[in-house]
Protein backbone atom coordinates (compact mmCIF):
# COMPACT_ATOMS: atom_id res chain seq x y z
CA MET A 1 103.87 85.52 82.18
CA ASP A 2 107.23 87.12 81.65
CA ASN A 3 110.64 85.75 82.52
CA GLN A 4 111.13 88.10 85.48
CA LEU A 5 107.87 87.06 87.16
CA ALA A 6 108.61 83.38 86.58
CA THR A 7 112.04 83.84 88.14
CA THR A 8 110.51 85.57 91.17
CA LEU A 9 108.04 82.71 91.64
CA PHE A 10 110.73 80.05 91.33
CA GLU A 11 112.96 81.93 93.78
CA SER A 12 110.08 81.99 96.25
CA LEU A 13 109.55 78.25 95.88
CA SER A 14 113.26 77.42 96.13
CA SER A 15 113.00 76.93 99.90
CA SER A 16 111.88 73.47 100.99
CA ILE A 17 109.71 75.04 103.69
CA ARG A 18 107.97 77.32 101.20
CA LEU A 19 107.47 74.47 98.79
CA ASP A 20 105.91 72.39 101.59
CA VAL A 21 103.66 75.31 102.58
CA PHE A 22 102.55 75.91 99.01
CA ARG A 23 101.80 72.23 98.41
CA LEU A 24 99.81 72.10 101.66
CA LEU A 25 97.79 75.15 100.62
CA VAL A 26 97.15 73.67 97.16
CA LYS A 27 95.94 70.50 98.85
CA ASN A 28 93.58 72.59 100.99
CA ALA A 29 92.30 74.79 98.17
CA PRO A 30 90.09 76.67 97.88
CA SER A 31 89.40 77.12 101.61
CA GLY A 32 93.03 77.57 102.63
CA LEU A 33 94.40 77.39 106.16
CA VAL A 34 95.08 79.79 108.99
CA ALA A 35 98.71 80.23 110.00
CA GLY A 36 98.37 78.06 113.10
CA GLU A 37 97.02 75.16 111.06
CA ILE A 38 99.94 75.46 108.64
CA ALA A 39 102.46 75.57 111.50
CA THR A 40 100.90 72.53 113.17
CA SER A 41 100.66 70.51 109.96
CA LEU A 42 104.31 71.14 109.06
CA ALA A 43 105.69 71.27 112.64
CA LEU A 44 107.10 74.77 112.13
CA PRO A 45 107.64 77.48 114.71
CA ALA A 46 105.29 80.42 114.13
CA THR A 47 108.12 82.95 113.78
CA ASN A 48 109.81 80.88 111.09
CA LEU A 49 106.54 80.33 109.25
CA SER A 50 105.65 84.03 109.33
CA PHE A 51 108.84 84.90 107.45
CA HIS A 52 108.08 82.38 104.71
CA LEU A 53 104.40 83.32 104.40
CA LYS A 54 105.35 86.96 103.94
CA ALA A 55 107.84 86.13 101.19
CA MET A 56 105.29 83.94 99.38
CA THR A 57 102.60 86.60 99.69
CA ASN A 58 104.95 89.25 98.30
CA ALA A 59 105.78 86.99 95.35
CA GLY A 60 102.06 86.49 94.63
CA LEU A 61 102.06 82.74 95.23
CA ILE A 62 99.58 82.96 98.07
CA ASN A 63 96.81 85.31 99.15
CA VAL A 64 95.93 86.25 102.70
CA THR A 65 92.66 87.47 104.19
CA GLN A 66 91.95 88.62 107.70
CA GLU A 67 89.35 86.57 109.61
CA GLY A 68 88.90 88.17 112.98
CA ARG A 69 92.23 87.77 114.73
CA TYR A 70 93.44 85.10 112.31
CA GLN A 71 94.89 85.30 108.84
CA ARG A 72 93.79 82.73 106.27
CA TYR A 73 96.26 81.80 103.55
CA ARG A 74 95.25 80.40 100.19
CA ALA A 75 97.32 79.22 97.25
CA ASN A 76 96.98 81.54 94.28
CA LEU A 77 95.94 78.80 91.86
CA SER A 78 95.75 81.12 88.86
CA VAL A 79 99.40 82.10 89.35
CA MET A 80 100.32 78.43 89.77
CA GLN A 81 98.55 77.56 86.51
CA ALA A 82 100.19 80.49 84.72
CA LEU A 83 103.59 79.24 85.87
CA VAL A 84 102.85 75.72 84.62
CA ASP A 85 101.64 77.20 81.32
CA TYR A 86 104.81 79.28 81.09
CA LEU A 87 106.95 76.17 81.57
CA THR A 88 105.12 74.16 78.93
CA ALA A 89 104.41 76.90 76.37
CA GLU A 90 107.29 75.87 74.13
CA CYS A 91 107.05 72.16 74.85
CA CYS A 92 107.21 70.02 71.70
CA THR A 93 107.52 73.03 69.40
CA ALA A 94 104.64 74.92 71.00
CA HIS A 95 102.31 71.89 71.03
CA PRO A 96 102.31 70.97 74.74
CA GLU A 97 99.44 68.51 74.30
CA SER A 98 101.87 66.19 72.49
CA CYS A 99 104.51 66.31 75.24
CA CYS A 100 102.87 63.97 77.72
CA ASP A 101 103.26 60.25 77.39
CA ASN A 102 100.15 58.64 78.82
């Protein structure tokens, strides 16, 4: 992952609503949720949620598939893992396994 992509992902997650949505989708992986389920779970108006889902989809944090008249959103777990790997790549002089105190 390059610096520009990491910055784009962090910018997308910088909203508390988007962070809540992403965490909810991670919790419901791999099946994901339809937009109405997300709105209900987080008590968000559909118009507000739609704006955030579009931004997260454009950033690559989530994927969307059409299911009849509904859209199902799923966290892009490979992008999430790549972002975590990017953050820890230089941890403890490039030995991230030694960074965690257990």
